[in-house]
Amino acid sequence: MSWIILTLFVFLFIGAGIFYFCVFFDQAILTRRGTLYRVKTEKKKVALTFDDGPSPIWTSQILYELKKEGIKATFFMGGRHVKLYPEVARKVAEEGHEIENHGYAHNVLFYYRPEEIEEEIKYTEHIIEQVTGRTTKYFRPPKAWLRGSIKKKIKGMGYEVVLWSLNSKDWVTFDARRIVNVISKRVKSGDILLFHDSGGVLKAEGGDRSQTVATIPLLARELDKRGFEFVTVDQLIKGEGQ
């Protein structure tokens, strides 16, 4: 009987560790070297970004909230989802948002060979351009995991690797007000904010992004009170406003 209790204790300990890692730790901190994750600027500008879409359910709702608040955001799209939901991807483009590259199938790319990375990015680039007419120049790796040599390979392809400085954790934190509270306490000029318009805890599609949708107007109003302006990633890097 004691071994059953011990086994349960071990599983609970591991589960608590995984929960803590998911909710409180941002793995991108470990892989930021050689990437762009915040822009040095004295201007109070931040970039709002969304990963893993487009989604047939959540992306349109997010677009609606962004339009109400007069915000232009950056969507790092997966090639597979662009193929599945081309009309949603086109809507993002038509509403004037920036579209960038998030790879094809949301695979962790840490162990990819250079030629595999190139194929992943180029194929996604082709799909995005074919569907939306947009060309991409910024790449965000799923889960942020990339080796140094692969970062150099990507830069050699003419891409900038873009991560983030503030992680909303909206895929595990199901409370819009808590998300806004955490971000507003930490936000600085030049921050790149990570959100998702698809996916859940275990996969890159489906999921419940209702709290992400609810966060947008709350965050927009809170940061507006503090004098911040939302811009796209490209505008942030180039020092441009809306």
C-alpha atoms as a PDB file:
ATOM      1  CA  MET A   1       0.000   0.000   0.000  1.00  0.00           C
ATOM      2  CA  SER A   2       2.890   2.351   0.796  1.00  0.00           C
ATOM      3  CA  TRP A   3       4.253   2.096  -2.754  1.00  0.00           C
ATOM      4  CA  ILE A   4       0.858   3.250  -4.104  1.00  0.00           C
ATOM      5  CA  ILE A   5       0.939   6.290  -1.836  1.00  0.00           C
ATOM      6  CA  LEU A   6       4.536   7.001  -2.861  1.00  0.00           C
ATOM      7  CA  THR A   7       3.639   6.693  -6.550  1.00  0.00           C
ATOM      8  CA  LEU A   8       0.699   9.047  -6.126  1.00  0.00           C
ATOM      9  CA  PHE A   9       2.928  11.520  -4.301  1.00  0.00           C
ATOM     10  CA  VAL A  10       5.503  11.414  -7.103  1.00  0.00           C
ATOM     11  CA  PHE A  11       2.833  12.001  -9.751  1.00  0.00           C
ATOM     12  CA  LEU A  12       1.356  14.875  -7.761  1.00  0.00           C
ATOM     13  CA  PHE A  13       4.826  16.402  -7.336  1.00  0.00           C
ATOM     14  CA  ILE A  14       5.552  16.121 -11.064  1.00  0.00           C
ATOM     15  CA  GLY A  15       2.112  17.473 -11.917  1.00  0.00           C
ATOM     16  CA  ALA A  16       2.599  20.452  -9.597  1.00  0.00           C
ATOM     17  CA  GLY A  17       5.981  21.107 -11.200  1.00  0.00           C
ATOM     18  CA  ILE A  18       4.503  21.061 -14.697  1.00  0.00           C
ATOM     19  CA  PHE A  19       1.654  23.353 -13.608  1.00  0.00           C
ATOM     20  CA  TYR A  20       4.093  25.807 -12.024  1.00  0.00           C
ATOM     21  CA  PHE A  21       6.271  25.788 -15.167  1.00  0.00           C
ATOM     22  CA  CYS A  22       3.298  26.404 -17.463  1.00  0.00           C
ATOM     23  CA  VAL A  23       1.686  29.145 -15.408  1.00  0.00           C
ATOM     24  CA  PHE A  24       4.586  31.025 -13.834  1.00  0.00           C
ATOM     25  CA  PHE A  25       7.685  30.430 -15.975  1.00  0.00           C
ATOM     26  CA  ASP A  26       8.286  31.770 -19.459  1.00  0.00           C
ATOM     27  CA  GLN A  27      10.547  29.401 -21.367  1.00  0.00           C
ATOM     28  CA  ALA A  28      11.433  32.120 -23.900  1.00  0.00           C
ATOM     29  CA  ILE A  29      13.790  33.609 -21.302  1.00  0.00           C
ATOM     30  CA  LEU A  30      16.079  30.630 -21.954  1.00  0.00           C
ATOM     31  CA  THR A  31      16.243  31.140 -25.721  1.00  0.00           C
ATOM     32  CA  ARG A  32      16.252  34.926 -26.196  1.00  0.00           C
ATOM     33  CA  ARG A  33      19.894  35.240 -27.104  1.00  0.00           C
ATOM     34  CA  GLY A  34      20.258  36.143 -30.766  1.00  0.00           C
ATOM     35  CA  THR A  35      16.575  37.063 -31.125  1.00  0.00           C
ATOM     36  CA  LEU A  36      14.475  40.212 -30.993  1.00  0.00           C
ATOM     37  CA  TYR A  37      12.112  40.155 -28.031  1.00  0.00           C
ATOM     38  CA  ARG A  38      11.925  43.819 -27.005  1.00  0.00           C
ATOM     39  CA  VAL A  39      12.752  47.010 -28.888  1.00  0.00           C
ATOM     40  CA  LYS A  40      14.841  49.707 -27.218  1.00  0.00           C
ATOM     41  CA  THR A  41      12.767  52.868 -27.374  1.00  0.00           C
ATOM     42  CA  GLU A  42      11.827  55.740 -25.120  1.00  0.00           C
ATOM     43  CA  LYS A  43       8.461  56.049 -26.867  1.00  0.00           C
ATOM     44  CA  LYS A  44       5.596  54.355 -25.057  1.00  0.00           C
ATOM     45  CA  LYS A  45       4.805  51.841 -27.767  1.00  0.00           C
ATOM     46  CA  VAL A  46       4.121  48.112 -27.467  1.00  0.00           C
ATOM     47  CA  ALA A  47       3.311  45.393 -29.997  1.00  0.00           C
ATOM     48  CA  LEU A  48       0.372  43.042 -29.495  1.00  0.00           C
ATOM     49  CA  THR A  49       0.977  39.653 -31.143  1.00  0.00           C
ATOM     50  CA  PHE A  50      -1.112  36.515 -31.631  1.00  0.00           C
ATOM     51  CA  ASP A  51       0.257  33.021 -32.332  1.00  0.00           C
ATOM     52  CA  ASP A  52      -1.072  29.727 -33.738  1.00  0.00           C
ATOM     53  CA  GLY A  53      -3.974  30.979 -35.856  1.00  0.00           C
ATOM     54  CA  PRO A  54      -5.907  31.621 -37.841  1.00  0.00           C
ATOM     55  CA  SER A  55      -8.853  30.055 -36.036  1.00  0.00           C
ATOM     56  CA  PRO A  56     -12.347  29.701 -37.521  1.00  0.00           C
ATOM     57  CA  ILE A  57     -13.812  30.568 -34.109  1.00  0.00           C
ATOM     58  CA  TRP A  58     -11.545  32.980 -32.267  1.00  0.00           C
ATOM     59  CA  THR A  59      -9.653  35.031 -34.843  1.00  0.00           C
ATOM     60  CA  SER A  60     -12.752  36.872 -36.080  1.00  0.00           C
ATOM     61  CA  GLN A  61     -13.781  37.684 -32.508  1.00  0.00           C
ATOM     62  CA  ILE A  62     -10.302  39.032 -31.797  1.00  0.00           C
ATOM     63  CA  LEU A  63     -10.413  41.099 -34.989  1.00  0.00           C
ATOM     64  CA  TYR A  64     -13.736  42.577 -33.888  1.00  0.00           C
ATOM     65  CA  GLU A  65     -12.296  43.695 -30.547  1.00  0.00           C
ATOM     66  CA  LEU A  66      -9.126  45.060 -32.160  1.00  0.00           C
ATOM     67  CA  LYS A  67     -11.216  47.081 -34.606  1.00  0.00           C
ATOM     68  CA  LYS A  68     -13.358  48.518 -31.794  1.00  0.00           C
ATOM     69  CA  GLU A  69     -10.213  49.658 -29.972  1.00  0.00           C
ATOM     70  CA  GLY A  70      -8.439  50.941 -33.089  1.00  0.00           C
ATOM     71  CA  ILE A  71      -5.503  48.539 -32.655  1.00  0.00           C
ATOM     72  CA  LYS A  72      -3.349  47.001 -35.349  1.00  0.00           C
ATOM     73  CA  ALA A  73      -1.710  43.754 -34.203  1.00  0.00           C
ATOM     74  CA  THR A  74       0.708  41.157 -35.553  1.00  0.00           C
ATOM     75  CA  PHE A  75      -0.465  37.599 -36.257  1.00  0.00           C
ATOM     76  CA  PHE A  76       2.192  34.869 -36.419  1.00  0.00           C
ATOM     77  CA  MET A  77       0.308  32.318 -38.489  1.00  0.00           C
ATOM     78  CA  GLY A  78       0.860  28.595 -38.922  1.00  0.00           C
ATOM     79  CA  GLY A  79       0.914  27.488 -42.550  1.00  0.00           C
ATOM     80  CA  ARG A  80      -1.368  24.547 -41.904  1.00  0.00           C
ATOM     81  CA  HIS A  81      -4.053  26.774 -40.409  1.00  0.00           C
ATOM     82  CA  VAL A  82      -3.760  29.274 -43.256  1.00  0.00           C
ATOM     83  CA  LYS A  83      -4.430  26.402 -45.672  1.00  0.00           C
ATOM     84  CA  LEU A  84      -7.383  25.179 -43.610  1.00  0.00           C
ATOM     85  CA  TYR A  85      -8.956  28.615 -43.035  1.00  0.00           C
ATOM     86  CA  PRO A  86      -7.860  30.861 -45.911  1.00  0.00           C
ATOM     87  CA  GLU A  87     -10.875  33.162 -45.632  1.00  0.00           C
ATOM     88  CA  VAL A  88      -9.945  33.980 -42.018  1.00  0.00           C
ATOM     89  CA  ALA A  89      -6.321  34.669 -42.957  1.00  0.00           C
ATOM     90  CA  ARG A  90      -7.482  36.980 -45.734  1.00  0.00           C
ATOM     91  CA  LYS A  91      -9.735  38.834 -43.288  1.00  0.00           C
ATOM     92  CA  VAL A  92      -6.734  39.528 -41.034  1.00  0.00           C
ATOM     93  CA  ALA A  93      -4.884  40.996 -44.023  1.00  0.00           C
ATOM     94  CA  GLU A  94      -7.905  42.984 -45.240  1.00  0.00           C
ATOM     95  CA  GLU A  95      -8.287  44.631 -41.835  1.00  0.00           C
ATOM     96  CA  GLY A  96      -4.720  45.919 -42.007  1.00  0.00           C
ATOM     97  CA  HIS A  97      -2.945  43.706 -39.494  1.00  0.00           C
ATOM     98  CA  GLU A  98       0.580  42.418 -39.909  1.00  0.00           C
ATOM     99  CA  ILE A  99       0.980  38.740 -40.820  1.00  0.00           C
ATOM    100  CA  GLU A 100       4.196  36.883 -40.046  1.00  0.00           C
ATOM    101  CA  ASN A 101       5.599  33.344 -40.091  1.00  0.00           C
ATOM    102  CA  HIS A 102       5.063  30.750 -37.327  1.00  0.00           C
ATOM    103  CA  GLY A 103       6.131  27.658 -39.263  1.00  0.00           C
ATOM    104  CA  TYR A 104       3.837  25.101 -40.814  1.00  0.00           C
ATOM    105  CA  ALA A 105       2.624  22.522 -38.285  1.00  0.00           C
ATOM    106  CA  HIS A 106       3.549  24.019 -34.881  1.00  0.00           C
ATOM    107  CA  ASN A 107       6.325  21.500 -34.340  1.00  0.00           C
ATOM    108  CA  VAL A 108       9.063  22.226 -31.820  1.00  0.00           C
ATOM    109  CA  LEU A 109      12.029  22.997 -34.073  1.00  0.00           C
ATOM    110  CA  PHE A 110      14.883  22.491 -31.598  1.00  0.00           C
ATOM    111  CA  TYR A 111      16.215  19.348 -33.283  1.00  0.00           C
ATOM    112  CA  TYR A 112      15.468  20.313 -36.887  1.00  0.00           C
ATOM    113  CA  ARG A 113      18.295  20.243 -39.409  1.00  0.00           C
ATOM    114  CA  PRO A 114      19.054  23.505 -41.270  1.00  0.00           C
ATOM    115  CA  GLU A 115      17.472  22.226 -44.481  1.00  0.00           C
ATOM    116  CA  GLU A 116      14.321  21.198 -42.591  1.00  0.00           C
ATOM    117  CA  ILE A 117      14.049  24.654 -41.025  1.00  0.00           C
ATOM    118  CA  GLU A 118      14.389  26.282 -44.432  1.00  0.00           C
ATOM    119  CA  GLU A 119      11.680  24.061 -45.906  1.00  0.00           C
ATOM    120  CA  GLU A 120       9.348  24.757 -42.951  1.00  0.00           C
ATOM    121  CA  ILE A 121       9.726  28.528 -43.216  1.00  0.00           C
ATOM    122  CA  LYS A 122       9.727  28.781 -47.011  1.00  0.00           C
ATOM    123  CA  TYR A 123       6.656  26.580 -47.390  1.00  0.00           C
ATOM    124  CA  THR A 124       4.747  28.624 -44.818  1.00  0.00           C
ATOM    125  CA  GLU A 125       5.930  31.823 -46.495  1.00  0.00           C
ATOM    126  CA  HIS A 126       4.592  30.524 -49.804  1.00  0.00           C
ATOM    127  CA  ILE A 127       1.187  29.598 -48.332  1.00  0.00           C
ATOM    128  CA  ILE A 128       0.766  32.962 -46.588  1.00  0.00           C
ATOM    129  CA  GLU A 129       1.671  34.898 -49.734  1.00  0.00           C
ATOM    130  CA  GLN A 130      -0.573  32.732 -51.918  1.00  0.00           C
ATOM    131  CA  VAL A 131      -3.582  33.169 -49.619  1.00  0.00           C
ATOM    132  CA  THR A 132      -3.175  36.752 -48.335  1.00  0.00           C
ATOM    133  CA  GLY A 133      -0.786  38.416 -50.771  1.00  0.00           C
ATOM    134  CA  ARG A 134       1.503  39.282 -47.832  1.00  0.00           C
ATOM    135  CA  THR A 135       5.231  38.540 -47.684  1.00  0.00           C
ATOM    136  CA  THR A 136       6.800  37.635 -44.342  1.00  0.00           C
ATOM    137  CA  LYS A 137      10.134  38.661 -42.851  1.00  0.00           C
ATOM    138  CA  TYR A 138       9.785  37.847 -39.146  1.00  0.00           C
ATOM    139  CA  PHE A 139       9.716  34.291 -37.796  1.00  0.00           C
ATOM    140  CA  ARG A 140       8.527  33.107 -34.392  1.00  0.00           C
ATOM    141  CA  PRO A 141       9.364  29.509 -33.499  1.00  0.00           C
ATOM    142  CA  PRO A 142       6.648  27.465 -31.751  1.00  0.00           C
ATOM    143  CA  LYS A 143       7.344  27.314 -27.998  1.00  0.00           C
ATOM    144  CA  ALA A 144      10.387  29.602 -28.608  1.00  0.00           C
ATOM    145  CA  TRP A 145      12.799  26.669 -28.826  1.00  0.00           C
ATOM    146  CA  LEU A 146      15.678  27.157 -31.303  1.00  0.00           C
ATOM    147  CA  ARG A 147      19.378  26.287 -31.224  1.00  0.00           C
ATOM    148  CA  GLY A 148      21.930  29.027 -31.849  1.00  0.00           C
ATOM    149  CA  SER A 149      23.033  27.514 -35.136  1.00  0.00           C
ATOM    150  CA  ILE A 150      19.454  27.425 -36.395  1.00  0.00           C
ATOM    151  CA  LYS A 151      18.951  31.077 -35.431  1.00  0.00           C
ATOM    152  CA  LYS A 152      21.932  31.916 -37.646  1.00  0.00           C
ATOM    153  CA  LYS A 153      20.450  29.849 -40.449  1.00  0.00           C
ATOM    154  CA  ILE A 154      17.149  31.725 -40.210  1.00  0.00           C
ATOM    155  CA  LYS A 155      18.903  35.094 -40.243  1.00  0.00           C
ATOM    156  CA  GLY A 156      20.836  33.914 -43.281  1.00  0.00           C
ATOM    157  CA  MET A 157      17.473  33.422 -44.985  1.00  0.00           C
ATOM    158  CA  GLY A 158      16.678  37.097 -44.444  1.00  0.00           C
ATOM    159  CA  TYR A 159      14.383  36.583 -41.462  1.00  0.00           C
ATOM    160  CA  GLU A 160      14.515  38.122 -37.997  1.00  0.00           C
ATOM    161  CA  VAL A 161      13.626  35.755 -35.148  1.00  0.00           C
ATOM    162  CA  VAL A 162      11.028  37.506 -32.984  1.00  0.00           C
ATOM    163  CA  LEU A 163      10.069  36.230 -29.530  1.00  0.00           C
ATOM    164  CA  TRP A 164       8.377  38.289 -26.798  1.00  0.00           C
ATOM    165  CA  SER A 165       9.102  40.121 -23.566  1.00  0.00           C
ATOM    166  CA  LEU A 166       5.716  39.637 -21.881  1.00  0.00           C
ATOM    167  CA  ASN A 167       3.792  36.371 -22.019  1.00  0.00           C
ATOM    168  CA  SER A 168       0.068  36.617 -21.310  1.00  0.00           C
ATOM    169  CA  LYS A 169      -0.093  32.878 -20.568  1.00  0.00           C
ATOM    170  CA  ASP A 170      -3.590  33.056 -22.024  1.00  0.00           C
ATOM    171  CA  TRP A 171      -3.474  29.365 -22.911  1.00  0.00           C
ATOM    172  CA  VAL A 172      -3.431  28.399 -19.202  1.00  0.00           C
ATOM    173  CA  THR A 173      -4.631  31.559 -17.427  1.00  0.00           C
ATOM    174  CA  PHE A 174      -8.380  31.651 -17.951  1.00  0.00           C
ATOM    175  CA  ASP A 175      -9.061  35.053 -16.432  1.00  0.00           C
ATOM    176  CA  ALA A 176      -8.928  38.244 -18.492  1.00  0.00           C
ATOM    177  CA  ARG A 177      -8.634  40.577 -15.524  1.00  0.00           C
ATOM    178  CA  ARG A 178      -5.712  38.636 -14.097  1.00  0.00           C
ATOM    179  CA  ILE A 179      -3.928  38.770 -17.457  1.00  0.00           C
ATOM    180  CA  VAL A 180      -4.440  42.528 -17.665  1.00  0.00           C
ATOM    181  CA  ASN A 181      -3.303  43.003 -14.076  1.00  0.00           C
ATOM    182  CA  VAL A 182      -0.052  41.059 -14.618  1.00  0.00           C
ATOM    183  CA  ILE A 183       0.809  42.775 -17.910  1.00  0.00           C
ATOM    184  CA  SER A 184      -0.035  46.294 -16.737  1.00  0.00           C
ATOM    185  CA  LYS A 185       2.259  45.896 -13.724  1.00  0.00           C
ATOM    186  CA  ARG A 186       5.218  44.810 -15.864  1.00  0.00           C
ATOM    187  CA  VAL A 187       4.796  46.573 -19.211  1.00  0.00           C
ATOM    188  CA  LYS A 188       7.617  48.794 -20.494  1.00  0.00           C
ATOM    189  CA  SER A 189       8.217  50.791 -23.645  1.00  0.00           C
ATOM    190  CA  GLY A 190       9.149  48.525 -26.553  1.00  0.00           C
ATOM    191  CA  ASP A 191       7.563  45.381 -25.124  1.00  0.00           C
ATOM    192  CA  ILE A 192       6.269  42.628 -27.406  1.00  0.00           C
ATOM    193  CA  LEU A 193       3.201  40.944 -25.890  1.00  0.00           C
ATOM    194  CA  LEU A 194       2.366  37.299 -26.576  1.00  0.00           C
ATOM    195  CA  PHE A 195      -1.231  36.106 -26.968  1.00  0.00           C
ATOM    196  CA  HIS A 196      -2.865  33.300 -28.983  1.00  0.00           C
ATOM    197  CA  ASP A 197      -5.825  33.225 -31.346  1.00  0.00           C
ATOM    198  CA  SER A 198      -5.920  29.420 -31.445  1.00  0.00           C
ATOM    199  CA  GLY A 199      -4.853  26.443 -29.380  1.00  0.00           C
ATOM    200  CA  GLY A 200      -5.119  25.196 -25.844  1.00  0.00           C
ATOM    201  CA  VAL A 201      -2.968  23.574 -23.204  1.00  0.00           C
ATOM    202  CA  LEU A 202      -2.119  20.452 -25.204  1.00  0.00           C
ATOM    203  CA  LYS A 203      -2.463  21.393 -28.885  1.00  0.00           C
ATOM    204  CA  ALA A 204      -2.198  24.288 -31.324  1.00  0.00           C
ATOM    205  CA  GLU A 205      -5.826  24.333 -32.438  1.00  0.00           C
ATOM    206  CA  GLY A 206      -9.223  24.368 -30.819  1.00  0.00           C
ATOM    207  CA  GLY A 207      -8.987  25.488 -27.210  1.00  0.00           C
ATOM    208  CA  ASP A 208     -10.931  28.255 -25.530  1.00  0.00           C
ATOM    209  CA  ARG A 209      -9.714  31.757 -26.306  1.00  0.00           C
ATOM    210  CA  SER A 210     -12.738  33.559 -24.862  1.00  0.00           C
ATOM    211  CA  GLN A 211     -10.616  35.168 -22.148  1.00  0.00           C
ATOM    212  CA  THR A 212      -8.114  36.306 -24.786  1.00  0.00           C
ATOM    213  CA  VAL A 213     -10.987  38.038 -26.569  1.00  0.00           C
ATOM    214  CA  ALA A 214     -12.157  39.572 -23.283  1.00  0.00           C
ATOM    215  CA  THR A 215      -8.642  40.773 -22.467  1.00  0.00           C
ATOM    216  CA  ILE A 216      -8.303  43.045 -25.513  1.00  0.00           C
ATOM    217  CA  PRO A 217     -10.662  45.908 -24.532  1.00  0.00           C
ATOM    218  CA  LEU A 218      -9.583  45.739 -20.883  1.00  0.00           C
ATOM    219  CA  LEU A 219      -5.890  45.859 -21.761  1.00  0.00           C
ATOM    220  CA  ALA A 220      -6.374  48.536 -24.421  1.00  0.00           C
ATOM    221  CA  ARG A 221      -8.089  50.863 -21.961  1.00  0.00           C
ATOM    222  CA  GLU A 222      -5.647  50.188 -19.137  1.00  0.00           C
ATOM    223  CA  LEU A 223      -2.557  50.842 -21.277  1.00  0.00           C
ATOM    224  CA  ASP A 224      -4.183  53.856 -22.909  1.00  0.00           C
ATOM    225  CA  LYS A 225      -4.584  55.392 -19.442  1.00  0.00           C
ATOM    226  CA  ARG A 226      -0.845  54.877 -18.968  1.00  0.00           C
ATOM    227  CA  GLY A 227      -0.039  56.576 -22.260  1.00  0.00           C
ATOM    228  CA  PHE A 228       0.900  53.485 -24.280  1.00  0.00           C
ATOM    229  CA  GLU A 229       0.226  53.076 -27.992  1.00  0.00           C
ATOM    230  CA  PHE A 230      -0.206  49.740 -29.762  1.00  0.00           C
ATOM    231  CA  VAL A 231       1.750  49.206 -32.984  1.00  0.00           C
ATOM    232  CA  THR A 232       2.693  46.213 -35.119  1.00  0.00           C
ATOM    233  CA  VAL A 233       6.006  44.423 -34.676  1.00  0.00           C
ATOM    234  CA  ASP A 234       7.334  45.970 -37.877  1.00  0.00           C
ATOM    235  CA  GLN A 235       6.291  49.457 -36.776  1.00  0.00           C
ATOM    236  CA  LEU A 236       7.886  48.914 -33.373  1.00  0.00           C
ATOM    237  CA  ILE A 237      11.176  47.815 -34.915  1.00  0.00           C
ATOM    238  CA  LYS A 238      11.194  50.702 -37.391  1.00  0.00           C
ATOM    239  CA  GLY A 239      10.110  53.263 -34.794  1.00  0.00           C
ATOM    240  CA  GLU A 240       6.873  54.058 -36.590  1.00  0.00           C
ATOM    241  CA  GLY A 241       3.457  54.872 -35.128  1.00  0.00           C
ATOM    242  CA  GLN A 242      -0.002  53.906 -36.276  1.00  0.00           C
END
